């Protein structure tokens, strides 16, 4: 049983469609990373199929929560970053298969552009390139310290 308290419609606020305006609770915190529609091998699920991709995102979240000993009943906030805000009804339909609709988490939806996602991908590639360079430098430094070590 969750120890969360949901405030669906605080004084002066209309109830949100499928979300609580505020959620409080006590106990252990679990943070999850943002999830995308990738399978266990890192391959895109459902290219061109927003429903398949949305289902995979929620399945991935479910797996991440379960790995930490949590479930969607423990979630206090969901953030959605979508390239097409008109897909929000689909996202809500799939979300409702996972959350307690009588006690939904707080929620934020933001539309982002493909350019924004491309910028994130470039930043990720730059970060990985920097990481690769750092690892190569580390390997080089270790080789200098231990010259007998095979390359």
Protein backbone atom coordinates (compact mmCIF):
# COMPACT_ATOMS: atom_id res chain seq x y z
CA UNK A 1 0.00 0.00 0.00
CA UNK A 2 1.38 3.35 -1.03
CA UNK A 3 1.87 6.03 1.63
CA UNK A 4 1.30 8.79 -0.91
CA UNK A 5 -1.30 11.52 -0.52
CA UNK A 6 -2.73 12.87 -3.79
CA UNK A 7 -4.26 16.33 -4.19
CA UNK A 8 -6.36 16.07 -7.36
CA UNK A 9 -8.19 19.38 -6.98
CA UNK A 10 -6.81 21.70 -4.29
CA UNK A 11 -8.91 24.75 -3.44
CA UNK A 12 -9.07 27.07 -6.42
CA UNK A 13 -7.77 24.51 -8.94
CA UNK A 14 -9.86 22.47 -11.36
CA UNK A 15 -9.17 18.73 -11.39
CA UNK A 16 -6.56 17.82 -14.00
CA UNK A 17 -7.40 15.31 -16.73
CA UNK A 18 -5.64 12.23 -15.36
CA UNK A 19 -3.17 13.86 -12.99
CA UNK A 20 -2.90 15.19 -9.45
CA UNK A 21 -1.81 18.79 -8.85
CA UNK A 22 0.38 17.69 -5.96
CA UNK A 23 1.52 14.44 -4.34
CA UNK A 24 3.29 13.98 -1.01
CA UNK A 25 4.71 10.92 0.66
CA UNK A 26 7.25 9.43 3.02
CA UNK A 27 9.81 6.73 2.60
CA UNK A 28 12.48 5.66 0.16
CA UNK A 29 12.98 7.64 -3.06
CA UNK A 30 13.67 6.04 -6.43
CA UNK A 31 14.76 8.14 -9.41
CA UNK A 32 14.36 6.78 -12.91
CA UNK A 33 16.05 8.00 -16.04
CA UNK A 34 13.96 9.20 -18.93
CA UNK A 35 12.90 6.30 -21.11
CA UNK A 36 12.52 5.96 -24.85
CA UNK A 37 11.13 3.21 -27.08
CA UNK A 38 14.22 1.01 -27.15
CA UNK A 39 14.17 -2.73 -26.55
CA UNK A 40 16.63 -4.72 -24.45
CA UNK A 41 19.19 -4.65 -27.27
CA UNK A 42 18.87 -0.88 -27.78
CA UNK A 43 16.83 -1.17 -30.98
CA UNK A 44 13.92 1.18 -31.69
CA UNK A 45 10.52 -0.43 -31.11
CA UNK A 46 7.70 0.46 -33.51
CA UNK A 47 9.32 2.85 -35.99
CA UNK A 48 6.54 5.16 -37.18
CA UNK A 49 4.06 3.63 -34.68
CA UNK A 50 3.42 6.07 -31.81
CA UNK A 51 1.27 3.59 -29.87
CA UNK A 52 3.89 0.84 -29.98
CA UNK A 53 6.55 3.33 -28.93
CA UNK A 54 4.42 4.70 -26.08
CA UNK A 55 3.70 1.18 -24.86
CA UNK A 56 7.41 0.39 -24.89
CA UNK A 57 8.28 3.54 -22.95
CA UNK A 58 5.82 2.61 -20.20
CA UNK A 59 7.01 -1.01 -20.21
CA UNK A 60 10.59 0.26 -19.83
CA UNK A 61 9.54 2.50 -16.93
CA UNK A 62 7.77 -0.46 -15.35
CA UNK A 63 10.96 -2.54 -15.65
CA UNK A 64 13.13 0.23 -14.19
CA UNK A 65 10.75 0.69 -11.25
CA UNK A 66 10.56 -3.06 -10.62
CA UNK A 67 14.36 -3.30 -10.60
CA UNK A 68 14.34 -0.79 -7.73
CA UNK A 69 11.54 -2.61 -5.88
CA UNK A 70 8.91 -0.03 -6.84
CA UNK A 71 5.86 0.16 -9.08
CA UNK A 72 3.68 2.79 -10.71
CA UNK A 73 1.66 3.09 -7.48
CA UNK A 74 4.82 4.64 -5.98
CA UNK A 75 5.29 7.22 -8.74
CA UNK A 76 4.66 10.82 -7.67
CA UNK A 77 5.42 12.62 -10.96
CA UNK A 78 5.54 11.82 -14.66
CA UNK A 79 7.10 14.15 -17.24
CA UNK A 80 6.34 13.72 -20.93
CA UNK A 81 8.48 15.19 -23.72
CA UNK A 82 6.72 14.65 -27.03
CA UNK A 83 7.35 15.97 -30.52
CA UNK A 84 3.62 16.15 -31.25
CA UNK A 85 1.34 17.28 -28.41
CA UNK A 86 -1.69 15.91 -30.29
CA UNK A 87 -0.40 12.45 -29.27
CA UNK A 88 -1.13 13.24 -25.61
CA UNK A 89 -4.51 11.41 -25.61
CA UNK A 90 -2.69 8.26 -26.77
CA UNK A 91 -0.05 8.73 -24.06
CA UNK A 92 -2.79 9.14 -21.46
CA UNK A 93 -4.60 6.00 -22.65
CA UNK A 94 -1.46 3.89 -22.27
CA UNK A 95 -0.53 5.63 -18.99
CA UNK A 96 -3.95 4.72 -17.58
CA UNK A 97 -3.10 1.04 -18.06
CA UNK A 98 -0.22 1.49 -15.59
CA UNK A 99 -1.30 4.08 -13.00
CA UNK A 100 -4.13 4.09 -10.50
CA UNK A 101 -6.47 6.51 -12.27
CA UNK A 102 -8.20 7.34 -8.98
CA UNK A 103 -4.83 8.44 -7.53
CA UNK A 104 -2.71 9.51 -10.51
CA UNK A 105 0.74 11.03 -10.16
CA UNK A 106 1.41 14.70 -10.82
CA UNK A 107 2.19 15.26 -14.48
CA UNK A 108 3.80 17.65 -16.96
CA UNK A 109 3.71 17.41 -20.75
CA UNK A 110 6.05 19.43 -22.96
CA UNK A 111 6.20 19.52 -26.73
CA UNK A 112 9.73 19.56 -28.05
CA UNK A 113 10.90 19.98 -31.62
CA UNK A 114 12.78 17.45 -33.66
CA UNK A 115 15.60 20.00 -33.70
CA UNK A 116 15.69 19.82 -29.90
CA UNK A 117 15.94 16.03 -30.03
CA UNK A 118 18.65 16.26 -32.70
CA UNK A 119 20.53 18.69 -30.45
CA UNK A 120 20.31 16.18 -27.60
CA UNK A 121 21.61 13.45 -29.89
CA UNK A 122 24.55 15.67 -30.92
CA UNK A 123 25.28 16.45 -27.27
CA UNK A 124 25.17 12.74 -26.45
CA UNK A 125 27.56 11.94 -29.32
CA UNK A 126 29.89 14.71 -28.13
CA UNK A 127 29.75 13.36 -24.59
CA UNK A 128 30.49 9.84 -25.82
CA UNK A 129 33.38 11.12 -27.97
CA UNK A 130 34.76 12.97 -24.94
CA UNK A 131 34.37 9.81 -22.85
CA UNK A 132 36.14 7.75 -25.54
CA UNK A 133 38.98 10.28 -25.61
CA UNK A 134 39.24 10.22 -21.82
CA UNK A 135 39.33 6.41 -21.82
CA UNK A 136 42.01 6.43 -24.54
CA UNK A 137 44.03 8.92 -22.46
CA UNK A 138 43.58 6.77 -19.35
CA UNK A 139 44.69 3.69 -21.29
CA UNK A 140 47.70 5.63 -22.57
CA UNK A 141 48.57 6.82 -19.04
CA UNK A 142 48.33 3.27 -17.70
CA UNK A 143 50.56 2.00 -20.54
CA UNK A 144 53.16 4.63 -19.61
CA UNK A 145 53.03 3.63 -15.95
CA UNK A 146 53.19 -0.07 -16.73
CA UNK A 147 55.21 -0.32 -19.97
CA UNK A 148 55.16 -4.13 -20.00
CA UNK A 149 51.37 -4.16 -20.16
CA UNK A 150 50.09 -5.24 -23.59
CA UNK A 151 48.39 -2.40 -25.55
